[in-house]
Amino acid sequence: MPSWKCAVCGYSFEAEAPPEECPSCKQKCEFLDNTCYTPDCGDKGTDDRI
């Protein structure tokens, strides 16, 4: 399942698609896909560089 990160507050969560507003800061924000697609992320599943 993809992992998403709020560009405003940095809240991360897993969902098939990002919601209309952030569950944490309640703002309509841009959500960054921080799902790890490369082996250098290890077992975490998220890319901390994003």
PDB file of N, CA and C in Angstrom:
ATOM      1  N   MET A   1       0.850  -1.165   0.000  1.00  0.00           N
ATOM      2  CA  MET A   1       0.000   0.000   0.000  1.00  0.00           C
ATOM      3  C   MET A   1       0.905   1.240   0.000  1.00  0.00           C
ATOM      4  N   PRO A   2       0.559   2.239  -0.771  1.00  0.00           N
ATOM      5  CA  PRO A   2       1.382   3.455  -0.835  1.00  0.00           C
ATOM      6  C   PRO A   2       1.408   4.211   0.493  1.00  0.00           C
ATOM      7  N   SER A   3       2.499   4.916   0.713  1.00  0.00           N
ATOM      8  CA  SER A   3       2.654   5.756   1.890  1.00  0.00           C
ATOM      9  C   SER A   3       2.652   7.214   1.442  1.00  0.00           C
ATOM     10  N   TRP A   4       1.954   8.053   2.183  1.00  0.00           N
ATOM     11  CA  TRP A   4       1.793   9.467   1.833  1.00  0.00           C
ATOM     12  C   TRP A   4       2.288  10.343   2.974  1.00  0.00           C
ATOM     13  N   LYS A   5       2.839  11.514   2.629  1.00  0.00           N
ATOM     14  CA  LYS A   5       3.335  12.458   3.618  1.00  0.00           C
ATOM     15  C   LYS A   5       2.766  13.838   3.321  1.00  0.00           C
ATOM     16  N   CYS A   6       2.184  14.467   4.331  1.00  0.00           N
ATOM     17  CA  CYS A   6       1.624  15.805   4.184  1.00  0.00           C
ATOM     18  C   CYS A   6       2.760  16.816   3.999  1.00  0.00           C
ATOM     19  N   ALA A   7       2.661  17.658   2.979  1.00  0.00           N
ATOM     20  CA  ALA A   7       3.699  18.653   2.702  1.00  0.00           C
ATOM     21  C   ALA A   7       3.657  19.802   3.713  1.00  0.00           C
ATOM     22  N   VAL A   8       2.578  19.933   4.488  1.00  0.00           N
ATOM     23  CA  VAL A   8       2.459  21.026   5.456  1.00  0.00           C
ATOM     24  C   VAL A   8       3.000  20.608   6.825  1.00  0.00           C
ATOM     25  N   CYS A   9       2.451  19.531   7.388  1.00  0.00           N
ATOM     26  CA  CYS A   9       2.825  19.163   8.758  1.00  0.00           C
ATOM     27  C   CYS A   9       3.764  17.953   8.837  1.00  0.00           C
ATOM     28  N   GLY A  10       3.934  17.209   7.739  1.00  0.00           N
ATOM     29  CA  GLY A  10       4.837  16.065   7.737  1.00  0.00           C
ATOM     30  C   GLY A  10       4.226  14.765   8.211  1.00  0.00           C
ATOM     31  N   TYR A  11       2.927  14.761   8.473  1.00  0.00           N
ATOM     32  CA  TYR A  11       2.237  13.543   8.918  1.00  0.00           C
ATOM     33  C   TYR A  11       2.309  12.489   7.817  1.00  0.00           C
ATOM     34  N   SER A  12       2.687  11.254   8.179  1.00  0.00           N
ATOM     35  CA  SER A  12       2.786  10.151   7.219  1.00  0.00           C
ATOM     36  C   SER A  12       1.756   9.084   7.541  1.00  0.00           C
ATOM     37  N   PHE A  13       1.206   8.477   6.501  1.00  0.00           N
ATOM     38  CA  PHE A  13       0.215   7.417   6.679  1.00  0.00           C
ATOM     39  C   PHE A  13       0.144   6.587   5.410  1.00  0.00           C
ATOM     40  N   GLU A  14      -0.453   5.407   5.524  1.00  0.00           N
ATOM     41  CA  GLU A  14      -0.626   4.514   4.380  1.00  0.00           C
ATOM     42  C   GLU A  14      -2.083   4.523   3.948  1.00  0.00           C
ATOM     43  N   ALA A  15      -2.297   4.637   2.642  1.00  0.00           N
ATOM     44  CA  ALA A  15      -3.640   4.605   2.067  1.00  0.00           C
ATOM     45  C   ALA A  15      -3.500   4.380   0.567  1.00  0.00           C
ATOM     46  N   GLU A  16      -4.546   3.880  -0.056  1.00  0.00           N
ATOM     47  CA  GLU A  16      -4.520   3.671  -1.501  1.00  0.00           C
ATOM     48  C   GLU A  16      -4.389   4.994  -2.261  1.00  0.00           C
ATOM     49  N   ALA A  17      -5.006   6.050  -1.735  1.00  0.00           N
ATOM     50  CA  ALA A  17      -4.956   7.378  -2.354  1.00  0.00           C
ATOM     51  C   ALA A  17      -4.979   8.419  -1.239  1.00  0.00           C
ATOM     52  N   PRO A  18      -4.392   9.588  -1.472  1.00  0.00           N
ATOM     53  CA  PRO A  18      -4.419  10.612  -0.432  1.00  0.00           C
ATOM     54  C   PRO A  18      -5.820  11.177  -0.246  1.00  0.00           C
ATOM     55  N   PRO A  19      -6.156  11.598   0.974  1.00  0.00           N
ATOM     56  CA  PRO A  19      -7.489  12.155   1.234  1.00  0.00           C
ATOM     57  C   PRO A  19      -7.594  13.605   0.774  1.00  0.00           C
ATOM     58  N   GLU A  20      -8.784  14.161   0.889  1.00  0.00           N
ATOM     59  CA  GLU A  20      -9.015  15.570   0.541  1.00  0.00           C
ATOM     60  C   GLU A  20      -8.267  16.503   1.493  1.00  0.00           C
ATOM     61  N   GLU A  21      -8.262  16.151   2.791  1.00  0.00           N
ATOM     62  CA  GLU A  21      -7.552  16.969   3.767  1.00  0.00           C
ATOM     63  C   GLU A  21      -6.729  16.068   4.670  1.00  0.00           C
ATOM     64  N   CYS A  22      -5.690  16.624   5.243  1.00  0.00           N
ATOM     65  CA  CYS A  22      -4.791  15.870   6.106  1.00  0.00           C
ATOM     66  C   CYS A  22      -5.503  15.451   7.387  1.00  0.00           C
ATOM     67  N   PRO A  23      -5.392  14.180   7.792  1.00  0.00           N
ATOM     68  CA  PRO A  23      -6.015  13.727   9.034  1.00  0.00           C
ATOM     69  C   PRO A  23      -5.406  14.389  10.275  1.00  0.00           C
ATOM     70  N   SER A  24      -4.197  14.899  10.163  1.00  0.00           N
ATOM     71  CA  SER A  24      -3.523  15.492  11.310  1.00  0.00           C
ATOM     72  C   SER A  24      -3.761  17.000  11.431  1.00  0.00           C
ATOM     73  N   CYS A  25      -3.418  17.765  10.385  1.00  0.00           N
ATOM     74  CA  CYS A  25      -3.525  19.231  10.485  1.00  0.00           C
ATOM     75  C   CYS A  25      -4.832  19.787   9.923  1.00  0.00           C
ATOM     76  N   LYS A  26      -5.655  18.912   9.346  1.00  0.00           N
ATOM     77  CA  LYS A  26      -6.983  19.273   8.815  1.00  0.00           C
ATOM     78  C   LYS A  26      -6.942  20.314   7.694  1.00  0.00           C
ATOM     79  N   GLN A  27      -5.796  20.425   7.004  1.00  0.00           N
ATOM     80  CA  GLN A  27      -5.644  21.360   5.897  1.00  0.00           C
ATOM     81  C   GLN A  27      -5.777  20.609   4.566  1.00  0.00           C
ATOM     82  N   LYS A  28      -6.168  21.318   3.533  1.00  0.00           N
ATOM     83  CA  LYS A  28      -6.133  20.756   2.185  1.00  0.00           C
ATOM     84  C   LYS A  28      -4.719  20.975   1.681  1.00  0.00           C
ATOM     85  N   CYS A  29      -3.908  19.936   1.718  1.00  0.00           N
ATOM     86  CA  CYS A  29      -2.490  20.054   1.416  1.00  0.00           C
ATOM     87  C   CYS A  29      -2.106  19.178   0.229  1.00  0.00           C
ATOM     88  N   GLU A  30      -0.896  19.375  -0.198  1.00  0.00           N
ATOM     89  CA  GLU A  30      -0.305  18.487  -1.194  1.00  0.00           C
ATOM     90  C   GLU A  30       0.246  17.290  -0.435  1.00  0.00           C
ATOM     91  N   PHE A  31      -0.004  16.093  -0.950  1.00  0.00           N
ATOM     92  CA  PHE A  31       0.527  14.884  -0.339  1.00  0.00           C
ATOM     93  C   PHE A  31       1.611  14.314  -1.228  1.00  0.00           C
ATOM     94  N   LEU A  32       2.765  14.026  -0.631  1.00  0.00           N
ATOM     95  CA  LEU A  32       3.897  13.474  -1.348  1.00  0.00           C
ATOM     96  C   LEU A  32       3.899  11.964  -1.177  1.00  0.00           C
ATOM     97  N   ASP A  33       4.098  11.258  -2.258  1.00  0.00           N
ATOM     98  CA  ASP A  33       4.196   9.793  -2.205  1.00  0.00           C
ATOM     99  C   ASP A  33       5.596   9.460  -1.708  1.00  0.00           C
ATOM    100  N   ASN A  34       5.712   9.013  -0.453  1.00  0.00           N
ATOM    101  CA  ASN A  34       7.027   8.669   0.080  1.00  0.00           C
ATOM    102  C   ASN A  34       7.206   7.157   0.219  1.00  0.00           C
ATOM    103  N   THR A  35       6.521   6.411  -0.636  1.00  0.00           N
ATOM    104  CA  THR A  35       6.683   4.965  -0.706  1.00  0.00           C
ATOM    105  C   THR A  35       8.074   4.670  -1.254  1.00  0.00           C
ATOM    106  N   CYS A  36       8.742   3.711  -0.672  1.00  0.00           N
ATOM    107  CA  CYS A  36      10.080   3.345  -1.121  1.00  0.00           C
ATOM    108  C   CYS A  36       9.985   2.439  -2.347  1.00  0.00           C
ATOM    109  N   TYR A  37      10.614   2.858  -3.415  1.00  0.00           N
ATOM    110  CA  TYR A  37      10.631   2.059  -4.641  1.00  0.00           C
ATOM    111  C   TYR A  37      12.026   1.529  -4.955  1.00  0.00           C
ATOM    112  N   THR A  38      13.005   1.754  -4.063  1.00  0.00           N
ATOM    113  CA  THR A  38      14.372   1.309  -4.305  1.00  0.00           C
ATOM    114  C   THR A  38      14.855   0.449  -3.137  1.00  0.00           C
ATOM    115  N   PRO A  39      15.799  -0.446  -3.384  1.00  0.00           N
ATOM    116  CA  PRO A  39      16.272  -1.343  -2.322  1.00  0.00           C
ATOM    117  C   PRO A  39      17.003  -0.627  -1.178  1.00  0.00           C
ATOM    118  N   ASP A  40      17.516   0.576  -1.377  1.00  0.00           N
ATOM    119  CA  ASP A  40      18.296   1.229  -0.326  1.00  0.00           C
ATOM    120  C   ASP A  40      17.458   1.730   0.843  1.00  0.00           C
ATOM    121  N   CYS A  41      16.144   1.621   0.766  1.00  0.00           N
ATOM    122  CA  CYS A  41      15.281   2.018   1.883  1.00  0.00           C
ATOM    123  C   CYS A  41      15.142   0.909   2.917  1.00  0.00           C
ATOM    124  N   GLY A  42      15.580  -0.261   2.574  1.00  0.00           N
ATOM    125  CA  GLY A  42      15.501  -1.372   3.511  1.00  0.00           C
ATOM    126  C   GLY A  42      14.090  -1.889   3.678  1.00  0.00           C
ATOM    127  N   ASP A  43      13.779  -2.303   4.888  1.00  0.00           N
ATOM    128  CA  ASP A  43      12.491  -2.914   5.187  1.00  0.00           C
ATOM    129  C   ASP A  43      11.437  -1.912   5.634  1.00  0.00           C
ATOM    130  N   LYS A  44      11.761  -0.635   5.716  1.00  0.00           N
ATOM    131  CA  LYS A  44      10.829   0.359   6.259  1.00  0.00           C
ATOM    132  C   LYS A  44       9.614   0.580   5.379  1.00  0.00           C
ATOM    133  N   GLY A  45       9.801   0.563   4.081  1.00  0.00           N
ATOM    134  CA  GLY A  45       8.676   0.799   3.175  1.00  0.00           C
ATOM    135  C   GLY A  45       8.470   2.254   2.825  1.00  0.00           C
ATOM    136  N   THR A  46       9.154   3.160   3.539  1.00  0.00           N
ATOM    137  CA  THR A  46       9.046   4.582   3.223  1.00  0.00           C
ATOM    138  C   THR A  46      10.426   5.151   2.927  1.00  0.00           C
ATOM    139  N   ASP A  47      10.447   6.192   2.154  1.00  0.00           N
ATOM    140  CA  ASP A  47      11.697   6.856   1.771  1.00  0.00           C
ATOM    141  C   ASP A  47      11.847   8.108   2.626  1.00  0.00           C
ATOM    142  N   ASP A  48      12.763   8.094   3.587  1.00  0.00           N
ATOM    143  CA  ASP A  48      12.955   9.217   4.507  1.00  0.00           C
ATOM    144  C   ASP A  48      13.546  10.443   3.831  1.00  0.00           C
ATOM    145  N   ARG A  49      14.017  10.298   2.604  1.00  0.00           N
ATOM    146  CA  ARG A  49      14.576  11.455   1.894  1.00  0.00           C
ATOM    147  C   ARG A  49      13.474  12.393   1.432  1.00  0.00           C
ATOM    148  N   ILE A  50      12.224  11.927   1.452  1.00  0.00           N
ATOM    149  CA  ILE A  50      11.085  12.744   1.019  1.00  0.00           C
ATOM    150  C   ILE A  50      10.408  13.327   2.236  1.00  0.00           C
TER     151      ILE A  50
END
